[in-house]
C-alpha atoms as a PDB file:
ATOM      1  CA  UNK A   1     -19.269   7.813   8.631  1.00  0.00           C
ATOM      2  CA  UNK A   2     -21.620   7.577   5.705  1.00  0.00           C
ATOM      3  CA  UNK A   3     -24.919   5.823   6.244  1.00  0.00           C
ATOM      4  CA  UNK A   4     -25.148   4.542   2.659  1.00  0.00           C
ATOM      5  CA  UNK A   5     -25.581   0.852   2.026  1.00  0.00           C
ATOM      6  CA  UNK A   6     -23.862  -0.690  -0.992  1.00  0.00           C
ATOM      7  CA  UNK A   7     -25.617  -3.679  -2.494  1.00  0.00           C
ATOM      8  CA  UNK A   8     -23.908  -6.712  -3.962  1.00  0.00           C
ATOM      9  CA  UNK A   9     -25.649  -6.044  -7.250  1.00  0.00           C
ATOM     10  CA  UNK A  10     -24.218  -2.528  -7.494  1.00  0.00           C
ATOM     11  CA  UNK A  11     -20.761  -3.773  -6.580  1.00  0.00           C
ATOM     12  CA  UNK A  12     -21.020  -6.585  -9.109  1.00  0.00           C
ATOM     13  CA  UNK A  13     -21.929  -4.244 -11.956  1.00  0.00           C
ATOM     14  CA  UNK A  14     -19.159  -1.835 -10.961  1.00  0.00           C
ATOM     15  CA  UNK A  15     -16.542  -4.592 -10.835  1.00  0.00           C
ATOM     16  CA  UNK A  16     -17.750  -6.192 -14.069  1.00  0.00           C
ATOM     17  CA  UNK A  17     -17.687  -2.874 -15.928  1.00  0.00           C
ATOM     18  CA  UNK A  18     -14.206  -2.115 -14.615  1.00  0.00           C
ATOM     19  CA  UNK A  19     -12.893  -5.521 -15.660  1.00  0.00           C
ATOM     20  CA  UNK A  20     -14.424  -5.220 -19.131  1.00  0.00           C
ATOM     21  CA  UNK A  21     -12.984  -1.737 -19.547  1.00  0.00           C
ATOM     22  CA  UNK A  22      -9.528  -2.884 -18.442  1.00  0.00           C
ATOM     23  CA  UNK A  23      -9.590  -5.834 -20.829  1.00  0.00           C
ATOM     24  CA  UNK A  24     -10.919  -3.611 -23.614  1.00  0.00           C
ATOM     25  CA  UNK A  25      -7.863  -1.361 -23.395  1.00  0.00           C
ATOM     26  CA  UNK A  26      -5.594  -4.328 -24.113  1.00  0.00           C
ATOM     27  CA  UNK A  27      -4.911  -5.368 -27.688  1.00  0.00           C
ATOM     28  CA  UNK A  28      -6.900  -8.582 -27.521  1.00  0.00           C
ATOM     29  CA  UNK A  29      -9.617 -10.010 -29.748  1.00  0.00           C
ATOM     30  CA  UNK A  30     -13.232  -9.236 -28.898  1.00  0.00           C
ATOM     31  CA  UNK A  31     -14.365 -11.301 -25.851  1.00  0.00           C
ATOM     32  CA  UNK A  32     -16.510 -14.350 -26.575  1.00  0.00           C
ATOM     33  CA  UNK A  33     -19.536 -15.616 -24.632  1.00  0.00           C
ATOM     34  CA  UNK A  34     -17.283 -17.829 -22.510  1.00  0.00           C
ATOM     35  CA  UNK A  35     -15.079 -14.900 -21.570  1.00  0.00           C
ATOM     36  CA  UNK A  36     -18.085 -12.727 -20.711  1.00  0.00           C
ATOM     37  CA  UNK A  37     -19.595 -15.527 -18.631  1.00  0.00           C
ATOM     38  CA  UNK A  38     -16.308 -15.981 -16.787  1.00  0.00           C
ATOM     39  CA  UNK A  39     -16.093 -12.232 -16.108  1.00  0.00           C
ATOM     40  CA  UNK A  40     -19.655 -12.225 -14.783  1.00  0.00           C
ATOM     41  CA  UNK A  41     -19.025 -15.202 -12.500  1.00  0.00           C
ATOM     42  CA  UNK A  42     -15.815 -13.714 -11.127  1.00  0.00           C
ATOM     43  CA  UNK A  43     -17.411 -10.323 -10.615  1.00  0.00           C
ATOM     44  CA  UNK A  44     -20.179 -11.983  -8.553  1.00  0.00           C
ATOM     45  CA  UNK A  45     -17.590 -13.635  -6.316  1.00  0.00           C
ATOM     46  CA  UNK A  46     -15.580 -10.447  -5.923  1.00  0.00           C
ATOM     47  CA  UNK A  47     -18.718  -8.440  -5.160  1.00  0.00           C
ATOM     48  CA  UNK A  48     -19.752 -10.818  -2.393  1.00  0.00           C
ATOM     49  CA  UNK A  49     -16.263 -10.645  -0.882  1.00  0.00           C
ATOM     50  CA  UNK A  50     -16.216  -6.846  -1.003  1.00  0.00           C
ATOM     51  CA  UNK A  51     -19.729  -6.649   0.460  1.00  0.00           C
ATOM     52  CA  UNK A  52     -18.638  -8.828   3.386  1.00  0.00           C
ATOM     53  CA  UNK A  53     -15.537  -6.691   3.920  1.00  0.00           C
ATOM     54  CA  UNK A  54     -17.584  -3.499   3.893  1.00  0.00           C
ATOM     55  CA  UNK A  55     -20.127  -4.985   6.299  1.00  0.00           C
ATOM     56  CA  UNK A  56     -17.400  -6.092   8.719  1.00  0.00           C
ATOM     57  CA  UNK A  57     -15.659  -2.710   8.604  1.00  0.00           C
ATOM     58  CA  UNK A  58     -18.952  -0.941   9.334  1.00  0.00           C
ATOM     59  CA  UNK A  59     -19.598  -3.343  12.199  1.00  0.00           C
ATOM     60  CA  UNK A  60     -16.150  -2.629  13.684  1.00  0.00           C
ATOM     61  CA  UNK A  61     -16.693   1.121  13.391  1.00  0.00           C
ATOM     62  CA  UNK A  62     -20.102   0.906  15.079  1.00  0.00           C
ATOM     63  CA  UNK A  63     -18.668  -1.265  17.844  1.00  0.00           C
ATOM     64  CA  UNK A  64     -15.829   1.211  18.431  1.00  0.00           C
ATOM     65  CA  UNK A  65     -18.274   4.138  18.539  1.00  0.00           C
ATOM     66  CA  UNK A  66     -20.504   2.300  20.985  1.00  0.00           C
ATOM     67  CA  UNK A  67     -17.499   1.461  23.146  1.00  0.00           C
ATOM     68  CA  UNK A  68     -16.413   5.097  23.190  1.00  0.00           C
ATOM     69  CA  UNK A  69     -19.934   6.218  24.168  1.00  0.00           C
ATOM     70  CA  UNK A  70     -20.353   3.560  26.858  1.00  0.00           C
ATOM     71  CA  UNK A  71     -16.764   3.738  28.109  1.00  0.00           C
ATOM     72  CA  UNK A  72     -17.400   6.467  30.668  1.00  0.00           C
ATOM     73  CA  UNK A  73     -20.633   4.950  31.909  1.00  0.00           C
ATOM     74  CA  UNK A  74     -19.136   1.521  32.560  1.00  0.00           C
ATOM     75  CA  UNK A  75     -16.193   2.965  34.413  1.00  0.00           C
ATOM     76  CA  UNK A  76     -18.462   5.066  36.623  1.00  0.00           C
ATOM     77  CA  UNK A  77     -20.585   2.047  37.527  1.00  0.00           C
ATOM     78  CA  UNK A  78     -17.511   0.019  38.479  1.00  0.00           C
ATOM     79  CA  UNK A  79     -16.164   2.815  40.646  1.00  0.00           C
ATOM     80  CA  UNK A  80     -19.540   3.194  42.347  1.00  0.00           C
ATOM     81  CA  UNK A  81     -19.684  -0.526  43.152  1.00  0.00           C
ATOM     82  CA  UNK A  82     -16.136  -0.475  44.488  1.00  0.00           C
ATOM     83  CA  UNK A  83     -16.969   2.454  46.753  1.00  0.00           C
ATOM     84  CA  UNK A  84     -20.077   0.655  48.032  1.00  0.00           C
ATOM     85  CA  UNK A  85     -18.053  -2.486  48.800  1.00  0.00           C
ATOM     86  CA  UNK A  86     -15.394  -0.449  50.630  1.00  0.00           C
ATOM     87  CA  UNK A  87     -18.051   1.399  52.617  1.00  0.00           C
ATOM     88  CA  UNK A  88     -19.782  -1.860  53.508  1.00  0.00           C
ATOM     89  CA  UNK A  89     -16.519  -3.363  54.760  1.00  0.00           C
ATOM     90  CA  UNK A  90     -15.722  -0.217  56.706  1.00  0.00           C
ATOM     91  CA  UNK A  91     -19.204  -0.246  58.299  1.00  0.00           C
ATOM     92  CA  UNK A  92     -18.803  -3.914  59.327  1.00  0.00           C
ATOM     93  CA  UNK A  93     -15.443  -3.166  60.932  1.00  0.00           C
ATOM     94  CA  UNK A  94     -16.882  -0.137  62.747  1.00  0.00           C
ATOM     95  CA  UNK A  95     -19.851  -2.150  64.072  1.00  0.00           C
ATOM     96  CA  UNK A  96     -17.686  -5.044  65.294  1.00  0.00           C
ATOM     97  CA  UNK A  97     -15.215  -2.725  67.042  1.00  0.00           C
END
């Protein structure tokens, strides 16, 4: 996994440029200030949503990696405790008999 961090500002500029380019290819009149302002506002919202999605995906990946690393250790500890409990019960039975 890449260790790069994408900022909301970078995402916003990328989304805004893409939207402007897509609208520019259409046969529409030149965008006015209102249209540009609307594009900027929407690109901010989209950027924040994408940043949250990226952050959550990274968090899930890290959690899965940590689980895979710790998976063997946790299992070994549980088995060790179970063996100790069984041995303790066996010792109690042997002493009482």
